[in-house]
Every structure is written in C-alpha cells, then in structure tokens.
Amino acid sequence: MAEQKEAQILDFNPTGDNEGRHADLRENLRMVEAIVFASGEPVSEKALLGRLPEGADLQPVLEELKQIYSARGVNFVQIGTNWAFRTADDLGFLLQREAVEVKKLSRAALEVMAIIGYHQPVTRAEIEEVRGVVTSKGTLDVLMETGWVRMRGRRRTPGRPVTYGTTDDFLSHFGLPELADLPGLEELKGAGLLQSQLPANFSMPFPDDDEALKEDEEPLTLEDIEELGLLPPVGE
C-alpha cells in the first residue's frame, strides 16, 4: 500500500489547475526527504520550513512521507516537533550487534524518570514528594548522562530550585512521537504496573512537553550553569 501511494505521488502527471500544486508537493517531498536523510540528528519542523520555498505547506509533506515509509525497512517518524528516519521496530534485531549497550538503570532511576516524564516541569523536592523518599543527586545525574533528562530552568520560589524535563532523546529511545503518547492509567494497570484497586482520588497527570518555560519558571543564567557544574569555572 505504501509503495502504491508513493508511486501515485512521484509518477502522477496532473493536468489542469492542480498541476502546479502537485508539482510543488512532489518537489517539497524530495527536499524534506533529502534534508532529514542527510542529517545525523532529528530535524525540527522550523528548520525544515526554513529550507523549503516560501509559503510551502509542511504538514501534508510530513504526512505523505510518514505514509510512504510506514511499511519500509526505515520509517519516517515524529520525535516531538522533530522528524527523523529510524529502523522499523520489527527489524531492530538486525542491528543488535551495532547497538551501544546502555547501562541498566536502577529501580530508583526508573521511578524518577517516570515522575519527570508525567509531571514535568518538576523539581527534586517535588520528585521526592511523589516518591515518598529522598532522591539522590546521583540518580538525576545518571538520567542526564543518558541524555533523557535536562535542566529546564529554575522555579520562581525561595531557593530557586532547578526544574527538570525530558528530551527528544527520551522520546526517540522509547519510540514516542510526543509525551502525550505515554501510557495512560488503563494501559499501566493492564501491564501490571499499577494496582487494579486504586484510591478513589487517584489520578494520572497529563504529560506536558512544551519546551517553553512556565510562568513559575525562569531561565538558567550563565552563573546558574556554572554553579550547577555544567561549565568550568570562569578563568579555568
């Protein structure tokens, strides 16, 4: 089906008033395909629009490419607001020998990762409130080393605690187009990750992956970055 659709797109020879529109779509498909294929990292929709002719309609192009590659060995996938080519899930075993072994995360790290995913932006104190136990800085450091968690900013409260959120690498690793695709309450219960009998007031937070800072967040300054050890001290 995907091959037939691609043939219709690439070989279609329209006539009449729609000829120019179909020619533009065909050319934009080729351009987006080339840009994403040549990139070593997922490409943002903003970057793609910046490379396409002025006035180009990007969304139909993305949807067509997604459909074209849906049954192929590589898929055209959405990662947040970015797009990339990824090996089809059912063919991942072919590349196992090439895969880099990822350090197995501890149960504490997995719990923290889940809390950040569903509750972000979230501070260390808020993570501890959800877990009910102290969270070591080392656990957060491990998650940031994997590239799945990032420091977003600081909360506008006394002490200005750092807020944490997930990254596009997190979405890519777990095969999620966006955070809204994280498992919901019923899915988690069905997988045995939540008790079937939950408190009457229990509710799942709705994941929010908006990169923009919230009203109660402020951006990290250069001084903050140095204090947090993300840059060497000035003068070194």
C-alpha atoms as a PDB file:
ATOM      1  CA  MET A   1       0.000   0.000   0.000  1.00  0.00           C
ATOM      2  CA  ALA A   2       2.810   2.446   0.897  1.00  0.00           C
ATOM      3  CA  GLU A   3       4.627   1.630  -2.379  1.00  0.00           C
ATOM      4  CA  GLN A   4       1.440   2.265  -4.370  1.00  0.00           C
ATOM      5  CA  LYS A   5       0.903   5.581  -2.631  1.00  0.00           C
ATOM      6  CA  GLU A   6       4.486   6.640  -3.334  1.00  0.00           C
ATOM      7  CA  ALA A   7       4.125   5.717  -6.994  1.00  0.00           C
ATOM      8  CA  GLN A   8       0.969   7.794  -7.198  1.00  0.00           C
ATOM      9  CA  ILE A   9       2.770  10.764  -5.698  1.00  0.00           C
ATOM     10  CA  LEU A  10       6.013  10.547  -7.664  1.00  0.00           C
ATOM     11  CA  ASP A  11       4.673   9.363 -11.022  1.00  0.00           C
ATOM     12  CA  PHE A  12       1.420  11.328 -11.118  1.00  0.00           C
ATOM     13  CA  ASN A  13       1.309  13.648 -14.116  1.00  0.00           C
ATOM     14  CA  PRO A  14      -1.529  16.070 -13.382  1.00  0.00           C
ATOM     15  CA  THR A  15      -3.143  18.419 -15.839  1.00  0.00           C
ATOM     16  CA  GLY A  16      -5.297  21.468 -15.350  1.00  0.00           C
ATOM     17  CA  ASP A  17      -5.323  23.945 -12.465  1.00  0.00           C
ATOM     18  CA  ASN A  18      -3.819  21.494  -9.964  1.00  0.00           C
ATOM     19  CA  GLU A  19      -0.646  20.843 -11.962  1.00  0.00           C
ATOM     20  CA  GLY A  20       1.438  23.470 -10.213  1.00  0.00           C
ATOM     21  CA  ARG A  21       0.246  22.426  -6.751  1.00  0.00           C
ATOM     22  CA  HIS A  22       1.091  18.761  -7.291  1.00  0.00           C
ATOM     23  CA  ALA A  23       4.465  19.677  -8.770  1.00  0.00           C
ATOM     24  CA  ASP A  24       5.245  21.750  -5.675  1.00  0.00           C
ATOM     25  CA  LEU A  25       4.185  18.913  -3.360  1.00  0.00           C
ATOM     26  CA  ARG A  26       6.346  16.444  -5.262  1.00  0.00           C
ATOM     27  CA  GLU A  27       9.368  18.756  -5.094  1.00  0.00           C
ATOM     28  CA  ASN A  28       8.827  19.567  -1.399  1.00  0.00           C
ATOM     29  CA  LEU A  29       8.632  15.830  -0.645  1.00  0.00           C
ATOM     30  CA  ARG A  30      12.018  15.315  -2.283  1.00  0.00           C
ATOM     31  CA  MET A  31      13.551  18.270  -0.428  1.00  0.00           C
ATOM     32  CA  VAL A  32      12.330  17.228   3.036  1.00  0.00           C
ATOM     33  CA  GLU A  33      13.379  13.627   2.388  1.00  0.00           C
ATOM     34  CA  ALA A  34      16.882  14.752   1.416  1.00  0.00           C
ATOM     35  CA  ILE A  35      17.283  17.127   4.375  1.00  0.00           C
ATOM     36  CA  VAL A  36      16.203  14.589   7.005  1.00  0.00           C
ATOM     37  CA  PHE A  37      18.149  11.733   5.405  1.00  0.00           C
ATOM     38  CA  ALA A  38      21.375  13.770   5.377  1.00  0.00           C
ATOM     39  CA  SER A  39      21.030  14.914   8.990  1.00  0.00           C
ATOM     40  CA  GLY A  40      22.662  12.990  11.806  1.00  0.00           C
ATOM     41  CA  GLU A  41      20.072  14.353  14.239  1.00  0.00           C
ATOM     42  CA  PRO A  42      16.274  14.730  14.127  1.00  0.00           C
ATOM     43  CA  VAL A  43      15.322  17.840  12.171  1.00  0.00           C
ATOM     44  CA  SER A  44      12.854  20.360  13.588  1.00  0.00           C
ATOM     45  CA  GLU A  45       9.804  21.481  11.664  1.00  0.00           C
ATOM     46  CA  LYS A  46      11.064  25.044  11.998  1.00  0.00           C
ATOM     47  CA  ALA A  47      14.349  24.107  10.313  1.00  0.00           C
ATOM     48  CA  LEU A  48      12.523  22.301   7.514  1.00  0.00           C
ATOM     49  CA  LEU A  49      10.276  25.282   6.839  1.00  0.00           C
ATOM     50  CA  GLY A  50      13.368  27.452   6.697  1.00  0.00           C
ATOM     51  CA  ARG A  51      14.771  25.339   3.854  1.00  0.00           C
ATOM     52  CA  LEU A  52      11.560  24.989   1.822  1.00  0.00           C
ATOM     53  CA  PRO A  53      10.278  27.613  -0.639  1.00  0.00           C
ATOM     54  CA  GLU A  54       8.418  30.491   0.969  1.00  0.00           C
ATOM     55  CA  GLY A  55       4.781  29.672   1.619  1.00  0.00           C
ATOM     56  CA  ALA A  56       5.292  25.894   1.467  1.00  0.00           C
ATOM     57  CA  ASP A  57       2.709  23.832   3.405  1.00  0.00           C
ATOM     58  CA  LEU A  58       4.835  21.472   5.506  1.00  0.00           C
ATOM     59  CA  GLN A  59       2.223  19.285   7.238  1.00  0.00           C
ATOM     60  CA  PRO A  60       0.908  17.493   4.106  1.00  0.00           C
ATOM     61  CA  VAL A  61       4.507  16.753   3.125  1.00  0.00           C
ATOM     62  CA  LEU A  62       5.297  15.219   6.516  1.00  0.00           C
ATOM     63  CA  GLU A  63       2.145  13.097   6.493  1.00  0.00           C
ATOM     64  CA  GLU A  64       2.841  11.832   2.960  1.00  0.00           C
ATOM     65  CA  LEU A  65       6.414  10.843   3.841  1.00  0.00           C
ATOM     66  CA  LYS A  66       5.236   9.154   7.028  1.00  0.00           C
ATOM     67  CA  GLN A  67       2.777   7.081   4.992  1.00  0.00           C
ATOM     68  CA  ILE A  68       5.273   6.288   2.221  1.00  0.00           C
ATOM     69  CA  TYR A  69       7.824   4.887   4.680  1.00  0.00           C
ATOM     70  CA  SER A  70       5.341   3.192   7.027  1.00  0.00           C
ATOM     71  CA  ALA A  71       5.883  -0.291   5.517  1.00  0.00           C
ATOM     72  CA  ARG A  72       9.577   0.025   4.695  1.00  0.00           C
ATOM     73  CA  GLY A  73      12.735  -1.032   6.499  1.00  0.00           C
ATOM     74  CA  VAL A  74      13.152   2.524   7.735  1.00  0.00           C
ATOM     75  CA  ASN A  75      10.269   4.666   8.954  1.00  0.00           C
ATOM     76  CA  PHE A  76       9.827   8.426   8.819  1.00  0.00           C
ATOM     77  CA  VAL A  77       8.953   9.214  12.438  1.00  0.00           C
ATOM     78  CA  GLN A  78       7.975  12.184  14.552  1.00  0.00           C
ATOM     79  CA  ILE A  79      10.034  12.921  17.670  1.00  0.00           C
ATOM     80  CA  GLY A  80       8.406  15.815  19.471  1.00  0.00           C
ATOM     81  CA  THR A  81       8.416  18.602  16.871  1.00  0.00           C
ATOM     82  CA  ASN A  82      11.323  16.971  15.052  1.00  0.00           C
ATOM     83  CA  TRP A  83      11.455  14.322  12.306  1.00  0.00           C
ATOM     84  CA  ALA A  84      13.925  11.540  11.560  1.00  0.00           C
ATOM     85  CA  PHE A  85      14.417   8.232   9.794  1.00  0.00           C
ATOM     86  CA  ARG A  86      14.519   5.236  12.141  1.00  0.00           C
ATOM     87  CA  THR A  87      14.857   1.497  11.606  1.00  0.00           C
ATOM     88  CA  ALA A  88      11.464  -0.211  11.630  1.00  0.00           C
ATOM     89  CA  ASP A  89      10.700  -1.676  15.059  1.00  0.00           C
ATOM     90  CA  ASP A  90      10.375  -5.245  13.771  1.00  0.00           C
ATOM     91  CA  LEU A  91      13.838  -5.101  12.154  1.00  0.00           C
ATOM     92  CA  GLY A  92      15.744  -3.821  15.173  1.00  0.00           C
ATOM     93  CA  PHE A  93      17.219  -7.281  15.788  1.00  0.00           C
ATOM     94  CA  LEU A  94      19.289  -6.910  12.615  1.00  0.00           C
ATOM     95  CA  LEU A  95      21.269  -4.091  14.199  1.00  0.00           C
ATOM     96  CA  GLN A  96      21.745  -5.541  17.666  1.00  0.00           C
ATOM     97  CA  ARG A  97      25.450  -6.137  17.159  1.00  0.00           C
ATOM     98  CA  GLU A  98      25.865  -2.475  16.257  1.00  0.00           C
ATOM     99  CA  ALA A  99      23.909  -1.184  19.213  1.00  0.00           C
ATOM    100  CA  VAL A 100      25.692   0.530  22.067  1.00  0.00           C
ATOM    101  CA  GLU A 101      24.972  -1.145  25.367  1.00  0.00           C
ATOM    102  CA  VAL A 102      23.127   1.217  27.672  1.00  0.00           C
ATOM    103  CA  LYS A 103      23.822   0.998  31.387  1.00  0.00           C
ATOM    104  CA  LYS A 104      20.886  -0.642  33.120  1.00  0.00           C
ATOM    105  CA  LEU A 105      19.018   1.900  35.206  1.00  0.00           C
ATOM    106  CA  SER A 106      18.268   1.240  38.847  1.00  0.00           C
ATOM    107  CA  ARG A 107      14.692   0.999  40.086  1.00  0.00           C
ATOM    108  CA  ALA A 108      15.115   4.424  41.711  1.00  0.00           C
ATOM    109  CA  ALA A 109      16.269   5.940  38.410  1.00  0.00           C
ATOM    110  CA  LEU A 110      13.316   4.393  36.554  1.00  0.00           C
ATOM    111  CA  GLU A 111      10.898   5.792  39.146  1.00  0.00           C
ATOM    112  CA  VAL A 112      12.439   9.257  38.882  1.00  0.00           C
ATOM    113  CA  MET A 113      12.398   9.022  35.082  1.00  0.00           C
ATOM    114  CA  ALA A 114       8.693   8.177  35.114  1.00  0.00           C
ATOM    115  CA  ILE A 115       7.864  11.002  37.519  1.00  0.00           C
ATOM    116  CA  ILE A 116       9.721  13.538  35.378  1.00  0.00           C
ATOM    117  CA  GLY A 117       8.003  12.225  32.256  1.00  0.00           C
ATOM    118  CA  TYR A 118       4.488  12.628  33.667  1.00  0.00           C
ATOM    119  CA  HIS A 119       4.938  15.615  35.997  1.00  0.00           C
ATOM    120  CA  GLN A 120       7.418  17.893  34.197  1.00  0.00           C
ATOM    121  CA  PRO A 121       8.472  20.563  34.814  1.00  0.00           C
ATOM    122  CA  VAL A 122       9.294  19.178  38.244  1.00  0.00           C
ATOM    123  CA  THR A 123      11.852  19.942  40.953  1.00  0.00           C
ATOM    124  CA  ARG A 124      13.858  17.469  43.009  1.00  0.00           C
ATOM    125  CA  ALA A 125      11.709  18.220  46.073  1.00  0.00           C
ATOM    126  CA  GLU A 126       8.547  17.554  44.067  1.00  0.00           C
ATOM    127  CA  ILE A 127      10.004  14.247  42.822  1.00  0.00           C
ATOM    128  CA  GLU A 128      10.703  13.264  46.434  1.00  0.00           C
ATOM    129  CA  GLU A 129       7.157  14.217  47.437  1.00  0.00           C
ATOM    130  CA  VAL A 130       5.730  11.861  44.796  1.00  0.00           C
ATOM    131  CA  ARG A 131       8.138   9.015  45.609  1.00  0.00           C
ATOM    132  CA  GLY A 132       7.961   9.467  49.365  1.00  0.00           C
ATOM    133  CA  VAL A 133      11.736   9.023  49.717  1.00  0.00           C
ATOM    134  CA  VAL A 134      14.845  11.137  49.284  1.00  0.00           C
ATOM    135  CA  THR A 135      16.207  11.257  45.716  1.00  0.00           C
ATOM    136  CA  SER A 136      19.979  11.397  45.444  1.00  0.00           C
ATOM    137  CA  LYS A 137      21.656  13.875  43.113  1.00  0.00           C
ATOM    138  CA  GLY A 138      23.489  10.909  41.600  1.00  0.00           C
ATOM    139  CA  THR A 139      20.221   9.460  40.289  1.00  0.00           C
ATOM    140  CA  LEU A 140      19.411  12.678  38.452  1.00  0.00           C
ATOM    141  CA  ASP A 141      23.000  12.871  37.171  1.00  0.00           C
ATOM    142  CA  VAL A 142      22.704   9.368  35.669  1.00  0.00           C
ATOM    143  CA  LEU A 143      19.482  10.303  33.873  1.00  0.00           C
ATOM    144  CA  MET A 144      21.074  13.452  32.478  1.00  0.00           C
ATOM    145  CA  GLU A 145      24.114  11.470  31.330  1.00  0.00           C
ATOM    146  CA  THR A 146      21.824   9.214  29.290  1.00  0.00           C
ATOM    147  CA  GLY A 147      20.529  12.344  27.565  1.00  0.00           C
ATOM    148  CA  TRP A 148      16.925  11.607  28.563  1.00  0.00           C
ATOM    149  CA  VAL A 149      16.561  14.356  31.181  1.00  0.00           C
ATOM    150  CA  ARG A 150      17.571  18.007  31.073  1.00  0.00           C
ATOM    151  CA  MET A 151      17.550  21.006  33.376  1.00  0.00           C
ATOM    152  CA  ARG A 152      14.789  23.332  32.147  1.00  0.00           C
ATOM    153  CA  GLY A 153      15.196  26.356  34.394  1.00  0.00           C
ATOM    154  CA  ARG A 154      14.605  27.455  37.978  1.00  0.00           C
ATOM    155  CA  ARG A 155      11.301  27.663  39.861  1.00  0.00           C
ATOM    156  CA  ARG A 156      10.325  31.172  40.983  1.00  0.00           C
ATOM    157  CA  THR A 157      10.177  30.170  44.641  1.00  0.00           C
ATOM    158  CA  PRO A 158      12.549  30.631  47.579  1.00  0.00           C
ATOM    159  CA  GLY A 159      15.813  28.824  46.887  1.00  0.00           C
ATOM    160  CA  ARG A 160      15.127  28.859  43.122  1.00  0.00           C
ATOM    161  CA  PRO A 161      15.163  25.038  42.755  1.00  0.00           C
ATOM    162  CA  VAL A 162      16.083  23.603  39.358  1.00  0.00           C
ATOM    163  CA  THR A 163      13.233  22.219  37.259  1.00  0.00           C
ATOM    164  CA  TYR A 164      13.701  19.057  35.176  1.00  0.00           C
ATOM    165  CA  GLY A 165      12.109  17.789  31.988  1.00  0.00           C
ATOM    166  CA  THR A 166      12.613  15.120  29.329  1.00  0.00           C
ATOM    167  CA  THR A 167      14.426  15.477  25.999  1.00  0.00           C
ATOM    168  CA  ASP A 168      13.824  14.411  22.418  1.00  0.00           C
ATOM    169  CA  ASP A 169      16.334  11.586  23.042  1.00  0.00           C
ATOM    170  CA  PHE A 170      13.895  10.236  25.644  1.00  0.00           C
ATOM    171  CA  LEU A 171      11.083  10.248  23.083  1.00  0.00           C
ATOM    172  CA  SER A 172      13.329   8.670  20.447  1.00  0.00           C
ATOM    173  CA  HIS A 173      14.574   5.885  22.744  1.00  0.00           C
ATOM    174  CA  PHE A 174      11.082   4.858  23.805  1.00  0.00           C
ATOM    175  CA  GLY A 175       9.560   5.316  20.345  1.00  0.00           C
ATOM    176  CA  LEU A 176       7.202   8.122  21.342  1.00  0.00           C
ATOM    177  CA  PRO A 177       6.194  10.862  18.880  1.00  0.00           C
ATOM    178  CA  GLU A 178       5.312  13.070  21.847  1.00  0.00           C
ATOM    179  CA  LEU A 179       4.762  12.862  25.611  1.00  0.00           C
ATOM    180  CA  ALA A 180       1.001  12.604  25.122  1.00  0.00           C
ATOM    181  CA  ASP A 181       1.701   9.061  23.865  1.00  0.00           C
ATOM    182  CA  LEU A 182       2.975   7.901  27.258  1.00  0.00           C
ATOM    183  CA  PRO A 183       0.809   5.059  28.631  1.00  0.00           C
ATOM    184  CA  GLY A 184      -2.386   6.152  30.331  1.00  0.00           C
ATOM    185  CA  LEU A 185      -3.980   4.857  33.529  1.00  0.00           C
ATOM    186  CA  GLU A 186      -5.724   1.859  31.957  1.00  0.00           C
ATOM    187  CA  GLU A 187      -2.631   0.860  29.962  1.00  0.00           C
ATOM    188  CA  LEU A 188      -0.456   0.933  33.083  1.00  0.00           C
ATOM    189  CA  LYS A 189      -2.990  -1.145  35.013  1.00  0.00           C
ATOM    190  CA  GLY A 190      -3.214  -3.623  32.133  1.00  0.00           C
ATOM    191  CA  ALA A 191       0.555  -4.014  32.115  1.00  0.00           C
ATOM    192  CA  GLY A 192       0.540  -4.742  35.850  1.00  0.00           C
ATOM    193  CA  LEU A 193       2.458  -1.574  36.697  1.00  0.00           C
ATOM    194  CA  LEU A 194      -0.387  -0.187  38.801  1.00  0.00           C
ATOM    195  CA  GLN A 195      -2.676  -1.928  41.251  1.00  0.00           C
ATOM    196  CA  SER A 196      -6.143  -2.654  39.889  1.00  0.00           C
ATOM    197  CA  GLN A 197      -7.652  -1.211  43.076  1.00  0.00           C
ATOM    198  CA  LEU A 198      -6.511   2.391  43.391  1.00  0.00           C
ATOM    199  CA  PRO A 199      -7.557   5.125  45.849  1.00  0.00           C
ATOM    200  CA  ALA A 200     -10.756   6.885  44.820  1.00  0.00           C
ATOM    201  CA  ASN A 201      -8.920  10.210  44.460  1.00  0.00           C
ATOM    202  CA  PHE A 202      -6.068   8.744  42.378  1.00  0.00           C
ATOM    203  CA  SER A 203      -5.470  10.477  39.036  1.00  0.00           C
ATOM    204  CA  MET A 204      -2.780  10.460  36.376  1.00  0.00           C
ATOM    205  CA  PRO A 205      -1.174  13.777  35.422  1.00  0.00           C
ATOM    206  CA  PHE A 206      -1.367  14.773  31.755  1.00  0.00           C
ATOM    207  CA  PRO A 207       2.199  14.896  30.353  1.00  0.00           C
ATOM    208  CA  ASP A 208       3.258  18.287  29.027  1.00  0.00           C
ATOM    209  CA  ASP A 209       6.330  18.539  26.790  1.00  0.00           C
ATOM    210  CA  ASP A 210       6.066  22.241  25.973  1.00  0.00           C
ATOM    211  CA  GLU A 211       9.675  23.446  25.813  1.00  0.00           C
ATOM    212  CA  ALA A 212       8.658  26.994  26.712  1.00  0.00           C
ATOM    213  CA  LEU A 213       9.205  27.889  30.357  1.00  0.00           C
ATOM    214  CA  LYS A 214       6.107  28.137  32.544  1.00  0.00           C
ATOM    215  CA  GLU A 215       5.060  31.322  34.340  1.00  0.00           C
ATOM    216  CA  ASP A 216       6.607  29.996  37.556  1.00  0.00           C
ATOM    217  CA  GLU A 217       9.920  29.162  35.843  1.00  0.00           C
ATOM    218  CA  GLU A 218      12.815  31.417  34.913  1.00  0.00           C
ATOM    219  CA  PRO A 219      15.687  30.635  32.522  1.00  0.00           C
ATOM    220  CA  LEU A 220      19.082  29.427  33.671  1.00  0.00           C
ATOM    221  CA  THR A 221      21.696  32.180  33.669  1.00  0.00           C
ATOM    222  CA  LEU A 222      25.398  31.742  32.921  1.00  0.00           C
ATOM    223  CA  GLU A 223      26.001  31.970  36.664  1.00  0.00           C
ATOM    224  CA  ASP A 224      23.451  29.205  37.250  1.00  0.00           C
ATOM    225  CA  ILE A 225      25.078  26.985  34.629  1.00  0.00           C
ATOM    226  CA  GLU A 226      28.498  27.460  36.208  1.00  0.00           C
ATOM    227  CA  GLU A 227      27.115  26.878  39.725  1.00  0.00           C
ATOM    228  CA  LEU A 228      25.435  23.644  38.601  1.00  0.00           C
ATOM    229  CA  GLY A 229      28.708  22.358  37.177  1.00  0.00           C
ATOM    230  CA  LEU A 230      27.608  22.469  33.551  1.00  0.00           C
ATOM    231  CA  LEU A 231      30.519  24.771  32.659  1.00  0.00           C
ATOM    232  CA  PRO A 232      34.035  25.039  34.118  1.00  0.00           C
ATOM    233  CA  PRO A 233      34.523  27.992  36.483  1.00  0.00           C
ATOM    234  CA  VAL A 234      35.417  31.284  34.787  1.00  0.00           C
ATOM    235  CA  GLY A 235      39.184  31.641  34.358  1.00  0.00           C
ATOM    236  CA  GLU A 236      39.961  27.925  34.008  1.00  0.00           C
END
